[in-house]
N, C-alpha and C. Protein backbone atom coordinates (compact mmCIF):
# COMPACT_ATOMS: atom_id res chain seq x y z
N UNK A 1 -2.11 20.36 -5.27
CA UNK A 1 -2.66 18.77 -5.55
C UNK A 1 -3.05 18.42 -4.78
N UNK A 2 -4.25 17.95 -4.84
CA UNK A 2 -5.87 17.63 -4.38
C UNK A 2 -5.31 16.20 -3.29
N UNK A 3 -6.36 16.36 -2.01
CA UNK A 3 -6.22 15.46 -0.91
C UNK A 3 -6.92 13.90 -1.90
N UNK A 4 -7.67 13.95 -2.98
CA UNK A 4 -8.00 12.64 -3.38
C UNK A 4 -6.62 13.15 -4.27
N UNK A 5 -5.79 13.69 -4.57
CA UNK A 5 -4.51 13.00 -5.73
C UNK A 5 -4.02 11.30 -5.34
N UNK A 6 -4.11 11.04 -6.87
CA UNK A 6 -2.62 9.91 -5.81
C UNK A 6 -1.50 9.80 -5.20
N UNK A 7 -0.70 10.83 -5.27
CA UNK A 7 0.42 10.90 -4.35
C UNK A 7 -0.32 11.07 -2.46
N UNK A 8 -1.56 11.59 -2.73
CA UNK A 8 -1.64 12.34 -1.01
C UNK A 8 -2.18 10.92 -0.50
N UNK A 9 -3.38 9.78 -1.42
CA UNK A 9 -3.96 8.95 -1.29
C UNK A 9 -3.53 7.83 -0.67
N UNK A 10 -1.68 7.59 -1.86
CA UNK A 10 -0.87 7.04 -1.04
C UNK A 10 -0.76 6.82 0.56
N UNK A 11 -0.15 8.59 0.48
CA UNK A 11 0.42 8.73 1.86
C UNK A 11 -0.46 8.28 2.57
N UNK A 12 -1.68 9.08 2.51
CA UNK A 12 -2.92 8.20 3.39
C UNK A 12 -2.76 6.66 4.07
N UNK A 13 -2.70 6.67 3.10
CA UNK A 13 -2.66 4.51 3.15
C UNK A 13 -1.63 4.32 3.63
N UNK A 14 -0.79 5.01 3.38
CA UNK A 14 0.75 4.61 4.49
C UNK A 14 0.29 5.05 5.99
N UNK A 15 0.49 6.35 5.93
CA UNK A 15 0.04 6.82 7.19
C UNK A 15 -0.80 6.31 7.98
N UNK A 16 -1.85 6.15 7.76
CA UNK A 16 -3.23 5.84 8.75
C UNK A 16 -3.75 4.74 8.88
N UNK A 17 -3.30 3.27 7.50
CA UNK A 17 -3.70 2.53 7.50
C UNK A 17 -2.40 1.22 8.31
N UNK A 18 -1.17 1.86 7.56
CA UNK A 18 -0.07 0.87 8.39
C UNK A 18 0.76 1.88 9.08
N UNK A 19 0.66 3.05 9.34
CA UNK A 19 2.00 3.76 11.00
C UNK A 19 0.99 3.72 11.27
N UNK A 20 -0.42 4.13 11.88
CA UNK A 20 -1.30 4.08 12.94
C UNK A 20 -2.56 2.89 13.28
N UNK A 21 -2.15 1.79 12.67
CA UNK A 21 -2.76 1.13 11.85
C UNK A 21 -4.49 1.43 12.03
N UNK A 22 -4.87 2.11 11.62
CA UNK A 22 -6.25 2.23 11.37
C UNK A 22 -6.92 1.95 10.40
N UNK A 23 -6.92 0.23 10.59
CA UNK A 23 -7.26 -0.37 9.43
C UNK A 23 -8.85 0.30 8.72
N UNK A 24 -9.88 0.81 9.21
CA UNK A 24 -10.80 0.68 9.00
C UNK A 24 -10.77 1.93 8.10
N UNK A 25 -10.04 2.68 7.36
CA UNK A 25 -9.70 3.76 6.85
C UNK A 25 -10.08 3.04 5.27
N UNK A 26 -9.39 1.56 5.13
CA UNK A 26 -9.79 1.00 3.71
C UNK A 26 -10.85 0.95 3.13
N UNK A 27 -11.43 1.08 4.50
CA UNK A 27 -13.11 1.38 3.18
C UNK A 27 -13.38 3.11 2.93
N UNK A 28 -13.07 4.15 2.96
CA UNK A 28 -12.52 5.33 2.64
C UNK A 28 -11.74 5.27 1.49
N UNK A 29 -10.51 4.62 1.24
CA UNK A 29 -9.83 5.39 0.36
C UNK A 29 -9.17 3.77 -0.23
N UNK A 30 -10.08 2.95 -0.36
CA UNK A 30 -9.74 2.42 -1.84
C UNK A 30 -11.12 1.37 -2.16
N UNK A 31 -10.68 1.05 -3.56
CA UNK A 31 -11.93 0.07 -3.77
C UNK A 31 -12.69 -0.63 -3.74
N UNK A 32 -14.24 -0.97 -3.00
CA UNK A 32 -14.68 -2.38 -2.67
C UNK A 32 -14.62 -3.46 -3.23
N UNK A 33 -13.34 -4.23 -4.24
CA UNK A 33 -13.17 -4.82 -5.00
C UNK A 33 -12.10 -3.93 -5.60
N UNK A 34 -10.88 -3.94 -4.81
CA UNK A 34 -9.53 -3.77 -5.58
C UNK A 34 -8.74 -4.85 -5.92
N UNK A 35 -8.23 -4.59 -7.27
CA UNK A 35 -7.79 -5.37 -8.25
C UNK A 35 -6.27 -5.30 -7.71
N UNK A 36 -5.30 -6.67 -7.61
CA UNK A 36 -4.07 -6.83 -6.74
C UNK A 36 -3.83 -7.40 -8.85
N UNK A 37 -2.22 -6.78 -9.07
CA UNK A 37 -1.44 -7.08 -9.83
C UNK A 37 -0.25 -8.29 -9.91
N UNK A 38 -0.32 -9.37 -9.74
CA UNK A 38 0.90 -9.96 -9.19
C UNK A 38 1.76 -10.42 -10.54
N UNK A 39 2.71 -10.43 -10.91
CA UNK A 39 3.44 -11.77 -11.34
C UNK A 39 2.67 -12.58 -12.10
N UNK A 40 1.63 -12.66 -13.60
CA UNK A 40 1.22 -14.14 -13.56
C UNK A 40 0.16 -14.25 -12.98
N UNK A 41 -0.26 -13.12 -12.21
CA UNK A 41 -2.19 -13.73 -11.61
C UNK A 41 -2.59 -12.67 -11.17
N UNK A 42 -4.06 -12.49 -10.75
CA UNK A 42 -4.34 -10.62 -10.76
C UNK A 42 -5.72 -11.32 -9.61
N UNK A 43 -5.89 -10.96 -8.48
CA UNK A 43 -6.96 -11.53 -8.07
C UNK A 43 -7.97 -9.81 -7.10
N UNK A 44 -8.89 -10.08 -6.94
CA UNK A 44 -10.04 -9.00 -6.77
C UNK A 44 -10.07 -9.21 -5.34
N UNK A 45 -9.77 -8.18 -4.67
CA UNK A 45 -10.52 -8.35 -2.45
C UNK A 45 -11.18 -6.70 -2.25
N UNK A 46 -12.01 -7.67 -1.90
CA UNK A 46 -13.30 -6.17 -1.41
C UNK A 46 -12.89 -5.89 0.01
N UNK A 47 -13.61 -5.17 1.15
CA UNK A 47 -12.34 -3.91 1.79
C UNK A 47 -12.25 -5.50 2.92
N UNK A 48 -13.20 -6.37 3.00
CA UNK A 48 -13.35 -7.35 4.32
C UNK A 48 -11.64 -8.17 4.35
N UNK A 49 -11.76 -8.37 2.85
CA UNK A 49 -10.60 -9.25 2.73
C UNK A 49 -9.09 -8.46 2.81
N UNK A 50 -8.87 -6.87 2.40
CA UNK A 50 -7.90 -6.02 2.10
C UNK A 50 -7.89 -6.48 3.35
N UNK A 51 -8.65 -5.56 4.56
CA UNK A 51 -8.54 -5.56 6.02
C UNK A 51 -8.09 -6.83 6.80
N UNK A 52 -8.21 -7.77 6.17
CA UNK A 52 -7.82 -9.07 6.49
C UNK A 52 -6.57 -9.36 6.70
N UNK A 53 -6.26 -8.85 5.13
CA UNK A 53 -4.36 -9.26 4.74
C UNK A 53 -4.08 -8.45 5.07
N UNK A 54 -4.21 -7.29 5.27
CA UNK A 54 -2.82 -6.19 6.45
C UNK A 54 -3.05 -6.54 7.91
N UNK A 55 -4.47 -6.99 8.28
CA UNK A 55 -4.19 -7.46 9.93
C UNK A 55 -3.85 -8.62 9.58
N UNK A 56 -3.74 -9.15 9.15
CA UNK A 56 -3.27 -10.82 9.41
C UNK A 56 -1.48 -10.37 9.27
N UNK A 57 -0.58 -9.32 8.84
CA UNK A 57 0.69 -9.17 9.08
C UNK A 57 0.96 -8.01 9.64
N UNK A 58 -0.30 -6.95 10.05
CA UNK A 58 0.81 -6.11 10.77
C UNK A 58 1.01 -6.21 11.98
N UNK A 59 0.53 -7.05 13.10
CA UNK A 59 0.43 -7.10 14.29
C UNK A 59 2.23 -7.36 14.47
N UNK A 60 2.61 -8.79 13.62
CA UNK A 60 3.73 -9.46 13.93
C UNK A 60 5.11 -8.55 13.76
N UNK A 61 4.57 -7.38 13.08
CA UNK A 61 6.10 -6.54 13.22
C UNK A 61 5.92 -4.92 12.39
N UNK A 62 4.66 -4.63 12.83
CA UNK A 62 4.33 -3.32 12.81
C UNK A 62 5.63 -2.08 11.88
N UNK A 63 5.18 -2.91 10.31
CA UNK A 63 6.02 -2.11 9.70
C UNK A 63 5.98 -0.04 9.81
N UNK A 64 7.04 0.31 9.33
CA UNK A 64 6.97 1.93 9.16
C UNK A 64 7.40 1.84 7.78
N UNK A 65 7.23 1.80 6.52
CA UNK A 65 7.55 2.25 5.94
C UNK A 65 8.00 3.93 6.00
N UNK A 66 8.92 3.89 4.21
CA UNK A 66 9.27 4.89 3.86
C UNK A 66 9.33 5.24 2.44
N UNK A 67 8.52 5.59 1.96
CA UNK A 67 8.81 6.19 1.11
C UNK A 67 10.26 6.87 -0.41
N UNK A 68 10.99 5.90 -0.13
CA UNK A 68 11.59 6.36 -1.39
C UNK A 68 11.66 7.22 -2.39
N UNK A 69 10.19 6.66 -3.00
CA UNK A 69 10.24 7.31 -4.38
C UNK A 69 8.78 7.23 -4.35
N UNK A 70 8.19 8.71 -4.15
CA UNK A 70 6.73 8.56 -4.77
C UNK A 70 6.17 9.92 -5.74
N UNK A 71 5.96 8.82 -6.01
CA UNK A 71 5.53 10.56 -7.65
C UNK A 71 3.95 9.93 -8.61
N UNK A 72 3.18 10.94 -9.13
CA UNK A 72 2.30 10.05 -9.85
C UNK A 72 2.14 11.26 -10.62
N UNK A 73 1.16 11.09 -11.48
CA UNK A 73 -0.07 12.32 -12.18
C UNK A 73 -1.66 11.91 -12.01
N UNK A 74 -1.91 12.33 -12.40
CA UNK A 74 -3.56 12.16 -12.28
C UNK A 74 -4.19 10.89 -12.14
N UNK A 75 -3.60 9.68 -11.78
CA UNK A 75 -4.24 9.00 -11.47
C UNK A 75 -3.53 7.68 -11.34
N UNK A 76 -2.12 7.91 -11.36
CA UNK A 76 -1.49 6.85 -10.76
C UNK A 76 -0.79 7.03 -10.09
N UNK A 77 -0.02 6.42 -9.27
CA UNK A 77 1.43 6.55 -7.87
C UNK A 77 2.13 5.44 -8.17
N UNK A 78 3.57 5.80 -8.09
CA UNK A 78 4.71 4.62 -7.72
C UNK A 78 5.22 5.38 -6.71
N UNK A 79 5.29 3.85 -6.10
CA UNK A 79 6.67 4.07 -4.85
C UNK A 79 6.89 3.20 -4.51
N UNK A 80 8.14 3.89 -4.43
CA UNK A 80 9.34 2.63 -4.10
C UNK A 80 9.51 2.71 -2.09
N UNK A 81 9.31 1.80 -1.85
CA UNK A 81 9.38 1.49 -0.58
C UNK A 81 10.27 0.67 0.56
N UNK A 82 10.78 1.04 1.59
CA UNK A 82 11.23 0.29 2.15
C UNK A 82 10.34 0.64 3.42
N UNK A 83 10.90 -0.95 4.32
CA UNK A 83 9.56 -1.42 5.27
C UNK A 83 10.49 -2.04 6.45
N UNK A 84 10.16 -1.13 7.34
CA UNK A 84 11.39 -1.92 8.52
C UNK A 84 10.78 -1.96 9.69
N UNK A 85 10.14 -2.86 10.61
CA UNK A 85 9.88 -3.77 11.45
C UNK A 85 9.74 -2.69 13.20
N UNK A 86 8.89 -2.50 13.57
CA UNK A 86 9.12 -1.21 14.82
C UNK A 86 8.85 -2.88 15.58
N UNK A 87 8.34 -3.50 15.80
CA UNK A 87 8.08 -4.54 17.18
C UNK A 87 8.94 -6.05 16.56
N UNK A 88 8.99 -6.10 15.24
CA UNK A 88 10.02 -7.10 14.99
C UNK A 88 11.41 -6.69 13.98
N UNK A 89 12.25 -7.33 14.04
CA UNK A 89 13.88 -7.30 13.27
C UNK A 89 13.56 -7.68 12.33
N UNK A 90 12.36 -7.00 11.19
CA UNK A 90 11.81 -7.66 10.11
C UNK A 90 12.42 -6.24 8.80
N UNK A 91 12.77 -6.00 7.38
CA UNK A 91 13.24 -5.60 6.23
C UNK A 91 12.53 -5.96 5.36
N UNK A 92 11.84 -5.21 4.41
CA UNK A 92 10.90 -5.43 2.90
C UNK A 92 12.04 -4.32 2.36
N UNK A 93 11.72 -4.50 0.79
CA UNK A 93 11.73 -3.67 -0.33
C UNK A 93 10.08 -4.01 -1.32
N UNK A 94 10.56 -2.82 -1.71
CA UNK A 94 9.04 -3.47 -2.82
C UNK A 94 9.24 -1.76 -4.02
N UNK A 95 8.23 -2.54 -4.66
CA UNK A 95 8.52 -1.07 -5.76
C UNK A 95 6.14 -1.46 -6.17
N UNK A 96 5.66 -0.47 -6.14
CA UNK A 96 4.07 -0.82 -6.35
C UNK A 96 4.11 0.49 -7.25
N UNK A 97 2.57 0.18 -7.73
CA UNK A 97 1.94 1.26 -8.89
C UNK A 97 1.13 1.00 -8.60
N UNK A 98 -0.12 1.77 -7.88
CA UNK A 98 -1.10 2.39 -8.50
C UNK A 98 -2.21 3.25 -8.44
N UNK A 99 -3.03 2.68 -8.96
CA UNK A 99 -4.37 3.21 -9.78
C UNK A 99 -5.30 3.76 -8.94
N UNK A 100 -5.33 4.97 -9.10
CA UNK A 100 -6.18 5.93 -8.38
C UNK A 100 -7.95 6.49 -8.83
N UNK A 101 -8.72 6.01 -8.79
CA UNK A 101 -9.85 7.42 -9.24
C UNK A 101 -10.41 7.54 -8.18
N UNK A 102 -10.82 8.85 -8.53
CA UNK A 102 -12.17 9.77 -7.52
C UNK A 102 -11.58 9.08 -5.90
N UNK A 103 -10.52 8.88 -5.62
CA UNK A 103 -10.00 9.03 -4.39
C UNK A 103 -9.74 8.52 -3.99
N UNK A 104 -10.45 7.02 -5.05
CA UNK A 104 -9.62 5.57 -4.24
C UNK A 104 -8.44 4.43 -4.70
N UNK A 105 -8.04 4.10 -3.96
CA UNK A 105 -7.21 2.83 -4.73
C UNK A 105 -8.02 1.88 -6.15
N UNK A 106 -7.79 1.34 -7.24
CA UNK A 106 -8.76 0.99 -7.91
C UNK A 106 -7.41 -0.44 -7.72
N UNK A 107 -6.57 -0.24 -8.28
CA UNK A 107 -6.03 -1.74 -8.75
C UNK A 107 -4.51 -0.52 -8.33
N UNK A 108 -3.46 -2.13 -7.58
CA UNK A 108 -2.40 -2.33 -6.96
C UNK A 108 -1.38 -3.01 -8.00
N UNK A 109 0.00 -3.14 -8.66
CA UNK A 109 0.41 -4.16 -9.69
C UNK A 109 1.41 -3.51 -8.46
N UNK A 110 2.13 -5.32 -8.57
CA UNK A 110 3.01 -5.12 -7.21
C UNK A 110 4.14 -5.95 -8.31
N UNK A 111 5.51 -6.23 -7.40
CA UNK A 111 6.13 -7.12 -7.62
C UNK A 111 7.14 -7.64 -6.83
N UNK A 112 7.14 -9.15 -6.68
CA UNK A 112 7.24 -10.14 -5.37
C UNK A 112 8.88 -8.21 -4.34
N UNK A 113 8.55 -9.24 -3.03
CA UNK A 113 9.48 -7.97 -2.37
C UNK A 113 10.21 -8.88 -2.34
N UNK A 114 10.85 -8.33 -1.23
CA UNK A 114 13.15 -8.64 -1.22
C UNK A 114 12.94 -7.98 0.39
N UNK A 115 14.35 -8.73 0.67
CA UNK A 115 14.32 -8.35 1.92
C UNK A 115 15.70 -8.14 2.22
N UNK A 116 16.08 -7.80 1.30
CA UNK A 116 17.40 -6.99 1.08
C UNK A 116 17.36 -5.20 1.07
N UNK A 117 18.20 -4.14 1.25
CA UNK A 117 17.87 -2.87 1.17
C UNK A 117 18.12 -2.26 -0.54
N UNK A 118 17.76 -1.57 -0.73
CA UNK A 118 17.91 -0.95 -2.08
C UNK A 118 19.57 -0.73 -2.01
N UNK A 119 20.33 -1.22 -2.74
CA UNK A 119 21.04 -0.52 -3.71
C UNK A 119 21.49 0.62 -3.90
């Protein structure tokens, strides 16, 4: 599996951006115009908006993501995750599908997050 495979790009996204707090890595591994698909809407975020979104939430709880499932093919990665706060008592779970082209995340499909652990 290459360093730019979808699964490896998502691992890097979690480890470097979220776990290490290196939000500038967003500029290397996401499209400058990442499309976020939510139920009923889409929005496109440039690099600055992506970084601002992450930095607005990151310091309050410093999430540690566990990849309960991380699998993919040549263009997509599916991530089932659990995030637990390192500095605040907070738990979130979610499922996201990422499209990765040429080593950059171009699209993310999300469902609303849950505050309950996976059953």
